[in-house]
């Protein structure tokens, strides 16, 4: 019985070490309906949820799971937030639970006239 429990625990730990972790993050903006791009790929309009994944790569492969999250909305300046993979392997805590963009309106050429 001890051997079965030990084997199950070892298999679980191995699966965690070789797998990946993920995190569901809420992305929102004010005003709403901004286009969201993550690493240059269109994801959708705010408010939206996105599943961020932190992959494990075997040595000697050194890949980073950096994320560039960009919000675009017509009539407003683009806003960018960058989250870099600096914590230990398989630890997605560096991406917050919620990403919020406060969009700033573009200045019009008629301002001050």
C-alpha atoms as a PDB file:
ATOM      1  CA  UNK A   1       0.000   0.000   0.000  1.00  0.00           C
ATOM      2  CA  UNK A   2       2.840   2.399   0.859  1.00  0.00           C
ATOM      3  CA  UNK A   3       4.446   1.688  -2.494  1.00  0.00           C
ATOM      4  CA  UNK A   4       1.226   2.586  -4.364  1.00  0.00           C
ATOM      5  CA  UNK A   5       0.854   5.856  -2.461  1.00  0.00           C
ATOM      6  CA  UNK A   6       4.537   6.714  -2.994  1.00  0.00           C
ATOM      7  CA  UNK A   7       4.286   5.931  -6.717  1.00  0.00           C
ATOM      8  CA  UNK A   8       1.143   8.058  -7.086  1.00  0.00           C
ATOM      9  CA  UNK A   9       2.797  10.986  -5.303  1.00  0.00           C
ATOM     10  CA  UNK A  10       5.906  10.718  -7.473  1.00  0.00           C
ATOM     11  CA  UNK A  11       3.820  10.590 -10.662  1.00  0.00           C
ATOM     12  CA  UNK A  12       1.881  13.663  -9.545  1.00  0.00           C
ATOM     13  CA  UNK A  13       5.057  15.611  -8.801  1.00  0.00           C
ATOM     14  CA  UNK A  14       6.570  14.554 -12.125  1.00  0.00           C
ATOM     15  CA  UNK A  15       3.434  15.687 -13.963  1.00  0.00           C
ATOM     16  CA  UNK A  16       3.589  19.069 -12.230  1.00  0.00           C
ATOM     17  CA  UNK A  17       7.287  19.474 -13.036  1.00  0.00           C
ATOM     18  CA  UNK A  18       6.926  18.560 -16.697  1.00  0.00           C
ATOM     19  CA  UNK A  19       3.628  20.269 -17.332  1.00  0.00           C
ATOM     20  CA  UNK A  20       2.711  23.896 -17.321  1.00  0.00           C
ATOM     21  CA  UNK A  21       0.841  26.193 -15.032  1.00  0.00           C
ATOM     22  CA  UNK A  22      -1.874  28.541 -16.157  1.00  0.00           C
ATOM     23  CA  UNK A  23      -3.826  31.459 -14.819  1.00  0.00           C
ATOM     24  CA  UNK A  24      -7.154  32.966 -15.886  1.00  0.00           C
ATOM     25  CA  UNK A  25      -6.822  36.770 -15.944  1.00  0.00           C
ATOM     26  CA  UNK A  26      -9.548  39.406 -16.374  1.00  0.00           C
ATOM     27  CA  UNK A  27      -8.656  42.198 -18.811  1.00  0.00           C
ATOM     28  CA  UNK A  28     -10.754  45.364 -18.817  1.00  0.00           C
ATOM     29  CA  UNK A  29     -10.547  48.984 -19.945  1.00  0.00           C
ATOM     30  CA  UNK A  30     -12.221  52.324 -19.459  1.00  0.00           C
ATOM     31  CA  UNK A  31     -13.913  53.009 -21.825  1.00  0.00           C
ATOM     32  CA  UNK A  32     -14.908  49.445 -22.624  1.00  0.00           C
ATOM     33  CA  UNK A  33     -14.604  47.553 -25.912  1.00  0.00           C
ATOM     34  CA  UNK A  34     -10.871  48.199 -26.494  1.00  0.00           C
ATOM     35  CA  UNK A  35      -9.133  45.711 -28.797  1.00  0.00           C
ATOM     36  CA  UNK A  36      -6.697  43.527 -26.828  1.00  0.00           C
ATOM     37  CA  UNK A  37      -3.550  42.098 -28.419  1.00  0.00           C
ATOM     38  CA  UNK A  38      -1.243  39.734 -26.523  1.00  0.00           C
ATOM     39  CA  UNK A  39       2.224  39.311 -28.045  1.00  0.00           C
ATOM     40  CA  UNK A  40       0.870  40.762 -31.291  1.00  0.00           C
ATOM     41  CA  UNK A  41      -2.121  38.391 -31.523  1.00  0.00           C
ATOM     42  CA  UNK A  42      -5.663  39.794 -31.381  1.00  0.00           C
ATOM     43  CA  UNK A  43      -7.554  38.237 -28.449  1.00  0.00           C
ATOM     44  CA  UNK A  44     -10.846  40.145 -28.341  1.00  0.00           C
ATOM     45  CA  UNK A  45     -12.553  43.224 -26.907  1.00  0.00           C
ATOM     46  CA  UNK A  46     -12.730  44.218 -23.267  1.00  0.00           C
ATOM     47  CA  UNK A  47     -14.024  43.045 -20.894  1.00  0.00           C
ATOM     48  CA  UNK A  48     -12.443  39.665 -21.553  1.00  0.00           C
ATOM     49  CA  UNK A  49     -10.794  36.757 -19.748  1.00  0.00           C
ATOM     50  CA  UNK A  50      -7.559  35.211 -21.043  1.00  0.00           C
ATOM     51  CA  UNK A  51      -5.738  32.045 -19.972  1.00  0.00           C
ATOM     52  CA  UNK A  52      -2.016  32.811 -19.543  1.00  0.00           C
ATOM     53  CA  UNK A  53       0.252  29.754 -19.579  1.00  0.00           C
ATOM     54  CA  UNK A  54       3.696  29.308 -18.095  1.00  0.00           C
ATOM     55  CA  UNK A  55       5.562  26.511 -19.869  1.00  0.00           C
ATOM     56  CA  UNK A  56       8.500  24.465 -18.666  1.00  0.00           C
ATOM     57  CA  UNK A  57      11.391  23.961 -21.062  1.00  0.00           C
ATOM     58  CA  UNK A  58      14.069  21.272 -20.575  1.00  0.00           C
ATOM     59  CA  UNK A  59      17.667  22.332 -20.124  1.00  0.00           C
ATOM     60  CA  UNK A  60      19.535  23.772 -22.104  1.00  0.00           C
ATOM     61  CA  UNK A  61      16.563  25.465 -23.802  1.00  0.00           C
ATOM     62  CA  UNK A  62      16.121  28.935 -22.346  1.00  0.00           C
ATOM     63  CA  UNK A  63      12.797  30.410 -23.426  1.00  0.00           C
ATOM     64  CA  UNK A  64      10.920  33.182 -21.726  1.00  0.00           C
ATOM     65  CA  UNK A  65       7.196  33.478 -21.298  1.00  0.00           C
ATOM     66  CA  UNK A  66       7.092  37.269 -21.459  1.00  0.00           C
ATOM     67  CA  UNK A  67       3.737  38.825 -22.271  1.00  0.00           C
ATOM     68  CA  UNK A  68       3.116  42.160 -23.995  1.00  0.00           C
ATOM     69  CA  UNK A  69      -0.531  43.131 -23.539  1.00  0.00           C
ATOM     70  CA  UNK A  70      -1.715  46.035 -25.690  1.00  0.00           C
ATOM     71  CA  UNK A  71      -5.066  47.850 -25.680  1.00  0.00           C
ATOM     72  CA  UNK A  72      -6.216  49.776 -28.769  1.00  0.00           C
ATOM     73  CA  UNK A  73      -9.306  51.904 -29.153  1.00  0.00           C
ATOM     74  CA  UNK A  74     -10.103  54.377 -31.941  1.00  0.00           C
ATOM     75  CA  UNK A  75      -9.741  57.951 -30.688  1.00  0.00           C
ATOM     76  CA  UNK A  76      -7.528  56.909 -27.763  1.00  0.00           C
ATOM     77  CA  UNK A  77      -3.798  56.394 -27.270  1.00  0.00           C
ATOM     78  CA  UNK A  78      -2.613  52.767 -27.353  1.00  0.00           C
ATOM     79  CA  UNK A  79      -1.709  51.438 -23.900  1.00  0.00           C
ATOM     80  CA  UNK A  80       0.841  48.681 -23.327  1.00  0.00           C
ATOM     81  CA  UNK A  81       1.645  46.593 -20.259  1.00  0.00           C
ATOM     82  CA  UNK A  82       4.614  44.206 -20.193  1.00  0.00           C
ATOM     83  CA  UNK A  83       4.915  41.241 -17.843  1.00  0.00           C
ATOM     84  CA  UNK A  84       8.309  39.564 -17.810  1.00  0.00           C
ATOM     85  CA  UNK A  85       9.021  35.981 -16.764  1.00  0.00           C
ATOM     86  CA  UNK A  86      11.501  36.528 -13.938  1.00  0.00           C
ATOM     87  CA  UNK A  87      10.232  34.279 -11.109  1.00  0.00           C
ATOM     88  CA  UNK A  88      11.142  30.580 -10.778  1.00  0.00           C
ATOM     89  CA  UNK A  89      10.118  28.027 -13.420  1.00  0.00           C
ATOM     90  CA  UNK A  90       6.400  27.191 -13.623  1.00  0.00           C
ATOM     91  CA  UNK A  91       5.308  30.182 -11.558  1.00  0.00           C
ATOM     92  CA  UNK A  92       2.787  32.409 -13.335  1.00  0.00           C
ATOM     93  CA  UNK A  93       2.361  34.771 -10.368  1.00  0.00           C
ATOM     94  CA  UNK A  94       4.156  37.569 -12.247  1.00  0.00           C
ATOM     95  CA  UNK A  95       0.949  38.149 -14.264  1.00  0.00           C
ATOM     96  CA  UNK A  96      -1.639  39.891 -12.039  1.00  0.00           C
ATOM     97  CA  UNK A  97      -5.173  38.580 -11.529  1.00  0.00           C
ATOM     98  CA  UNK A  98      -6.612  41.601 -13.352  1.00  0.00           C
ATOM     99  CA  UNK A  99      -5.177  43.898 -16.011  1.00  0.00           C
ATOM    100  CA  UNK A 100      -6.893  47.265 -16.344  1.00  0.00           C
ATOM    101  CA  UNK A 101      -6.273  49.909 -19.015  1.00  0.00           C
ATOM    102  CA  UNK A 102      -7.284  53.561 -18.494  1.00  0.00           C
ATOM    103  CA  UNK A 103      -7.420  54.797 -22.060  1.00  0.00           C
ATOM    104  CA  UNK A 104      -6.313  58.408 -22.680  1.00  0.00           C
ATOM    105  CA  UNK A 105      -8.151  60.325 -25.433  1.00  0.00           C
ATOM    106  CA  UNK A 106      -6.062  61.596 -28.359  1.00  0.00           C
ATOM    107  CA  UNK A 107      -5.695  65.356 -28.511  1.00  0.00           C
ATOM    108  CA  UNK A 108      -7.504  66.838 -31.474  1.00  0.00           C
ATOM    109  CA  UNK A 109      -5.822  69.294 -33.835  1.00  0.00           C
ATOM    110  CA  UNK A 110      -8.549  71.877 -33.059  1.00  0.00           C
ATOM    111  CA  UNK A 111      -7.603  72.118 -29.377  1.00  0.00           C
ATOM    112  CA  UNK A 112      -7.102  75.677 -28.190  1.00  0.00           C
ATOM    113  CA  UNK A 113      -8.872  77.350 -31.130  1.00  0.00           C
END
